[in-house]
Amino acid sequence: MRAAVIADVHGNIDALAAFETWLDAQRGGIDEVWVLGDLVDYGPAPIEVIQWVAAHATWTVRGNHDHAMATGEDCRSAPEFHAAAVATRNAWRSHLGSADVAFLAGLPLRTAFPVGDARVELVHATPMDPLFDYLPGGATEAAWARALEPLDARTRFLFVGHTHVGFVRRVGAVTVVNPGSLGMPKDGDPCSAFAVFDGEHIESCRVAYDVDRAIGRLRALRLPSACMVQLDHAFRRGR
């Protein structure tokens, strides 16, 4: 079994299209797609992303932006990107169909399943706070140990998103994997990031996509100028 693991697509259908092209090139070498939340906000095509994930993902968990879109609650994103999140969400909220909203609302906060002899868990942020806990890969061992306290003792791999920066680190008996962001990387590389997992090994992957096309879609939304400048910078520079 080989799974492609993606996170934080954020309405970026052009990044998702490049990932789909990569999937097609694997010629059946990828058996499953796991999605670690945040299908919406920031990007220009949340409906298309929701519908692609609903049709293609094997497992999907809810992110804080999915939760905000579905419930109207605050996404509690990073302060510097909060206005852009609200602006793009407001631009699309009334256009989502009832099935799209129900899909987001029905996503689990955590899910776990066996892969071979290992137990795997997926969550958007951390097991301690599935939606909002912001814990980068470089956080202390003590911080990660506390965040992992709710895990079942049998869990050997934990996949998380939320920070938009990929990492792999060991915390006790658990390997924690963040594949990075498919739709809005923040590690200085604008190429889409994701991971491939075969039950034992993790491969970090990148794929380029048509950033200019994504920016053009955003401009068509007529967002506030400050938000547009910020998103243009984030999409083009990966920060």
Protein backbone atom coordinates (compact mmCIF):
# COMPACT_ATOMS: atom_id res chain seq x y z
CA MET A 1 0.00 0.00 0.00
CA ARG A 2 1.25 3.48 -0.93
CA ALA A 3 -0.65 6.60 0.14
CA ALA A 4 -0.18 10.17 -1.04
CA VAL A 5 -0.75 12.51 1.90
CA ILE A 6 -1.79 16.12 1.31
CA ALA A 7 -2.72 18.99 3.62
CA ASP A 8 -3.81 22.61 3.44
CA VAL A 9 -5.02 22.74 -0.15
CA HIS A 10 -6.83 26.01 0.65
CA GLY A 11 -8.99 26.29 -2.44
CA ASN A 12 -6.00 26.14 -4.79
CA ILE A 13 -7.41 24.07 -7.64
CA ASP A 14 -4.34 24.70 -9.82
CA ALA A 15 -2.07 23.14 -7.21
CA LEU A 16 -4.50 20.26 -6.88
CA ALA A 17 -4.55 19.80 -10.66
CA ALA A 18 -0.75 19.53 -10.70
CA PHE A 19 -0.94 16.97 -7.92
CA GLU A 20 -3.56 15.02 -9.90
CA THR A 21 -1.25 15.03 -12.93
CA TRP A 22 1.50 13.65 -10.70
CA LEU A 23 -0.91 10.97 -9.45
CA ASP A 24 -1.78 9.97 -13.01
CA ALA A 25 1.92 9.66 -13.84
CA GLN A 26 2.32 7.08 -11.06
CA ARG A 27 0.26 4.64 -13.16
CA GLY A 28 -1.53 3.05 -10.24
CA GLY A 29 1.46 3.22 -7.91
CA ILE A 30 -0.56 5.25 -5.40
CA ASP A 31 -3.39 3.31 -3.76
CA GLU A 32 -4.92 5.95 -1.49
CA VAL A 33 -5.05 9.72 -0.93
CA TRP A 34 -5.20 11.04 2.63
CA VAL A 35 -6.18 14.66 3.25
CA LEU A 36 -5.27 16.46 6.48
CA GLY A 37 -7.78 19.29 6.34
CA ASP A 38 -8.11 22.93 5.27
CA LEU A 39 -9.69 22.51 1.87
CA VAL A 40 -10.95 26.11 1.82
CA ASP A 41 -9.99 29.79 2.37
CA TYR A 42 -7.15 31.82 0.81
CA GLY A 43 -7.43 30.12 -2.59
CA PRO A 44 -9.83 30.92 -5.45
CA ALA A 45 -11.69 27.62 -6.00
CA PRO A 46 -12.93 26.00 -2.78
CA ILE A 47 -15.95 24.33 -4.36
CA GLU A 48 -13.84 22.46 -6.90
CA VAL A 49 -11.40 21.40 -4.17
CA ILE A 50 -14.18 20.15 -1.89
CA GLN A 51 -15.72 18.14 -4.70
CA TRP A 52 -12.38 16.66 -5.79
CA VAL A 53 -11.57 15.57 -2.24
CA ALA A 54 -15.06 14.13 -1.75
CA ALA A 55 -14.62 12.07 -4.91
CA HIS A 56 -11.00 10.96 -4.56
CA ALA A 57 -9.79 10.94 -0.94
CA THR A 58 -9.74 7.73 1.07
CA TRP A 59 -9.50 9.54 4.42
CA THR A 60 -10.05 13.23 5.20
CA VAL A 61 -10.07 15.14 8.49
CA ARG A 62 -11.45 18.59 9.23
CA GLY A 63 -9.23 21.66 9.46
CA ASN A 64 -9.89 24.92 11.25
CA HIS A 65 -10.78 26.68 7.98
CA ASP A 66 -13.17 23.89 6.98
CA HIS A 67 -14.75 24.22 10.42
CA ALA A 68 -15.12 27.99 10.02
CA MET A 69 -16.70 27.67 6.58
CA ALA A 70 -19.16 25.04 7.77
CA THR A 71 -20.13 26.61 11.10
CA GLY A 72 -19.50 30.35 10.82
CA GLU A 73 -17.10 30.21 13.77
CA ASP A 74 -13.76 32.04 13.74
CA CYS A 75 -10.99 30.10 11.99
CA ARG A 76 -8.44 31.48 14.49
CA SER A 77 -5.76 31.60 11.82
CA ALA A 78 -2.45 33.41 12.21
CA PRO A 79 -3.21 37.11 12.78
CA GLU A 80 -1.28 38.25 9.73
CA PHE A 81 -3.43 36.08 7.42
CA HIS A 82 -6.75 36.39 9.25
CA ALA A 83 -8.15 39.19 7.08
CA ALA A 84 -7.34 37.25 3.90
CA ALA A 85 -9.01 34.14 5.29
CA VAL A 86 -12.17 36.05 6.15
CA ALA A 87 -12.24 37.88 2.81
CA THR A 88 -11.92 34.73 0.72
CA ARG A 89 -14.39 32.85 2.92
CA ASN A 90 -16.95 35.62 2.62
CA ALA A 91 -16.46 35.66 -1.16
CA TRP A 92 -17.45 32.00 -1.39
CA ARG A 93 -19.68 31.15 1.56
CA SER A 94 -22.98 31.91 -0.20
CA HIS A 95 -21.89 29.98 -3.31
CA LEU A 96 -21.25 26.65 -1.58
CA GLY A 97 -24.05 24.16 -2.04
CA SER A 98 -25.67 22.43 0.92
CA ALA A 99 -23.83 19.21 0.04
CA ASP A 100 -20.47 21.03 0.11
CA VAL A 101 -21.18 22.53 3.53
CA ALA A 102 -22.45 19.21 4.85
CA PHE A 103 -19.29 17.51 3.62
CA LEU A 104 -17.07 19.95 5.53
CA ALA A 105 -19.24 19.79 8.65
CA GLY A 106 -19.23 15.99 8.60
CA LEU A 107 -15.46 15.57 8.43
CA PRO A 108 -14.03 13.94 11.58
CA LEU A 109 -11.56 15.80 13.77
CA ARG A 110 -9.37 12.70 14.02
CA THR A 111 -9.30 9.33 12.36
CA ALA A 112 -7.16 6.23 12.90
CA PHE A 113 -6.75 2.95 11.06
CA PRO A 114 -4.24 0.12 10.61
CA VAL A 115 -1.65 0.07 7.84
CA GLY A 116 0.06 -3.28 7.90
CA ASP A 117 1.31 -3.83 11.43
CA ALA A 118 1.20 -0.11 12.29
CA ARG A 119 -1.63 2.05 13.61
CA VAL A 120 -1.86 5.40 11.82
CA GLU A 121 -3.71 8.52 12.94
CA LEU A 122 -4.61 11.63 10.96
CA VAL A 123 -5.41 15.04 12.48
CA HIS A 124 -5.18 18.59 11.19
CA ALA A 125 -3.35 20.25 14.11
CA THR A 126 -2.50 17.96 17.05
CA PRO A 127 -4.35 15.23 18.98
CA MET A 128 -4.55 17.56 21.99
CA ASP A 129 -6.37 20.24 19.95
CA PRO A 130 -7.31 18.90 16.51
CA LEU A 131 -8.29 22.24 14.98
CA PHE A 132 -6.20 25.01 16.44
CA ASP A 133 -3.01 23.82 18.16
CA TYR A 134 -0.09 25.34 16.24
CA LEU A 135 2.99 23.22 16.85
CA PRO A 136 5.88 23.42 14.38
CA GLY A 137 8.30 20.60 13.80
CA GLY A 138 11.00 22.39 15.76
CA ALA A 139 8.96 22.67 18.96
CA THR A 140 10.41 21.09 22.08
CA GLU A 141 10.17 17.40 22.84
CA ALA A 142 8.10 18.26 25.92
CA ALA A 143 5.61 20.27 23.86
CA TRP A 144 5.19 17.46 21.38
CA ALA A 145 4.92 14.80 24.08
CA ARG A 146 2.08 16.76 25.69
CA ALA A 147 0.32 17.26 22.34
CA LEU A 148 0.47 13.51 21.71
CA GLU A 149 -0.96 12.48 25.10
CA PRO A 150 -4.44 11.65 23.67
CA LEU A 151 -2.97 9.18 21.18
CA ASP A 152 -3.72 5.50 21.50
CA ALA A 153 -0.61 3.70 22.75
CA ARG A 154 -0.67 1.54 19.62
CA THR A 155 -0.22 4.51 17.26
CA ARG A 156 3.09 4.49 15.41
CA PHE A 157 2.57 7.20 12.76
CA LEU A 158 0.78 10.53 13.21
CA PHE A 159 0.11 12.74 10.19
CA VAL A 160 -0.59 16.44 10.80
CA GLY A 161 -0.94 19.64 8.76
CA HIS A 162 -1.83 23.20 9.81
CA THR A 163 1.65 24.81 9.87
CA HIS A 164 2.18 24.70 6.07
CA VAL A 165 5.78 23.60 6.70
CA GLY A 166 6.73 19.96 6.30
CA PHE A 167 8.75 17.89 8.73
CA VAL A 168 9.32 14.36 10.00
CA ARG A 169 10.30 13.82 13.62
CA ARG A 170 10.25 11.08 16.20
CA VAL A 171 8.46 11.63 19.51
CA GLY A 172 8.86 8.58 21.72
CA ALA A 173 7.47 5.63 19.79
CA VAL A 174 5.57 7.84 17.33
CA THR A 175 6.80 9.22 14.01
CA VAL A 176 5.10 12.57 13.38
CA VAL A 177 4.81 13.61 9.74
CA ASN A 178 3.72 16.95 8.31
CA PRO A 179 3.66 16.78 4.50
CA GLY A 180 3.68 20.57 4.12
CA SER A 181 1.01 22.50 2.26
CA LEU A 182 -0.24 21.54 -1.19
CA GLY A 183 -1.95 24.86 -1.88
CA MET A 184 -0.08 27.50 0.11
CA PRO A 185 3.43 26.48 1.28
CA LYS A 186 5.14 28.70 3.85
CA ASP A 187 8.65 27.24 3.78
CA GLY A 188 10.06 29.53 1.10
CA ASP A 189 9.33 27.18 -1.81
CA PRO A 190 6.07 27.92 -3.70
CA CYS A 191 5.92 24.42 -5.21
CA SER A 192 3.17 22.21 -3.79
CA ALA A 193 4.34 19.92 -0.99
CA PHE A 194 3.03 16.48 -0.08
CA ALA A 195 4.26 13.12 1.15
CA VAL A 196 4.13 9.47 0.13
CA PHE A 197 3.84 6.77 2.80
CA ASP A 198 4.21 3.02 2.24
CA GLY A 199 3.51 1.82 5.77
CA GLU A 200 7.11 2.24 6.88
CA HIS A 201 8.86 4.98 4.94
CA ILE A 202 7.98 8.62 4.25
CA GLU A 203 9.01 10.38 1.04
CA SER A 204 8.68 14.17 0.86
CA CYS A 205 7.62 15.41 -2.58
CA ARG A 206 7.21 18.71 -4.43
CA VAL A 207 5.48 19.58 -7.69
CA ALA A 208 5.34 22.90 -9.51
CA TYR A 209 1.98 24.34 -10.54
CA ASP A 210 0.70 27.33 -12.52
CA VAL A 211 0.94 30.06 -9.86
CA ASP A 212 0.06 32.81 -12.35
CA ARG A 213 -3.22 31.09 -13.15
CA ALA A 214 -4.06 30.74 -9.45
CA ILE A 215 -3.31 34.43 -8.88
CA GLY A 216 -5.48 35.34 -11.87
CA ARG A 217 -8.39 33.43 -10.35
CA LEU A 218 -7.87 35.29 -7.07
CA ARG A 219 -7.88 38.67 -8.80
CA ALA A 220 -11.27 37.85 -10.30
CA LEU A 221 -12.70 37.72 -6.76
CA ARG A 222 -11.99 41.46 -6.32
CA LEU A 223 -10.64 41.06 -2.82
CA PRO A 224 -9.53 44.03 -0.71
CA SER A 225 -6.25 45.27 -2.15
CA ALA A 226 -4.20 44.56 0.98
CA CYS A 227 -5.42 40.94 1.03
CA MET A 228 -4.67 40.51 -2.66
CA VAL A 229 -1.13 41.83 -2.26
CA GLN A 230 -0.53 39.52 0.69
CA LEU A 231 -1.88 36.42 -1.08
CA ASP A 232 0.03 37.24 -4.27
CA HIS A 233 3.23 37.37 -2.22
CA ALA A 234 2.42 34.17 -0.32
CA PHE A 235 1.57 32.16 -3.44
CA ARG A 236 4.57 33.36 -5.44
CA ARG A 237 7.22 33.15 -2.72
CA GLY A 238 5.95 30.37 -0.52
CA ARG A 239 5.87 32.58 2.58
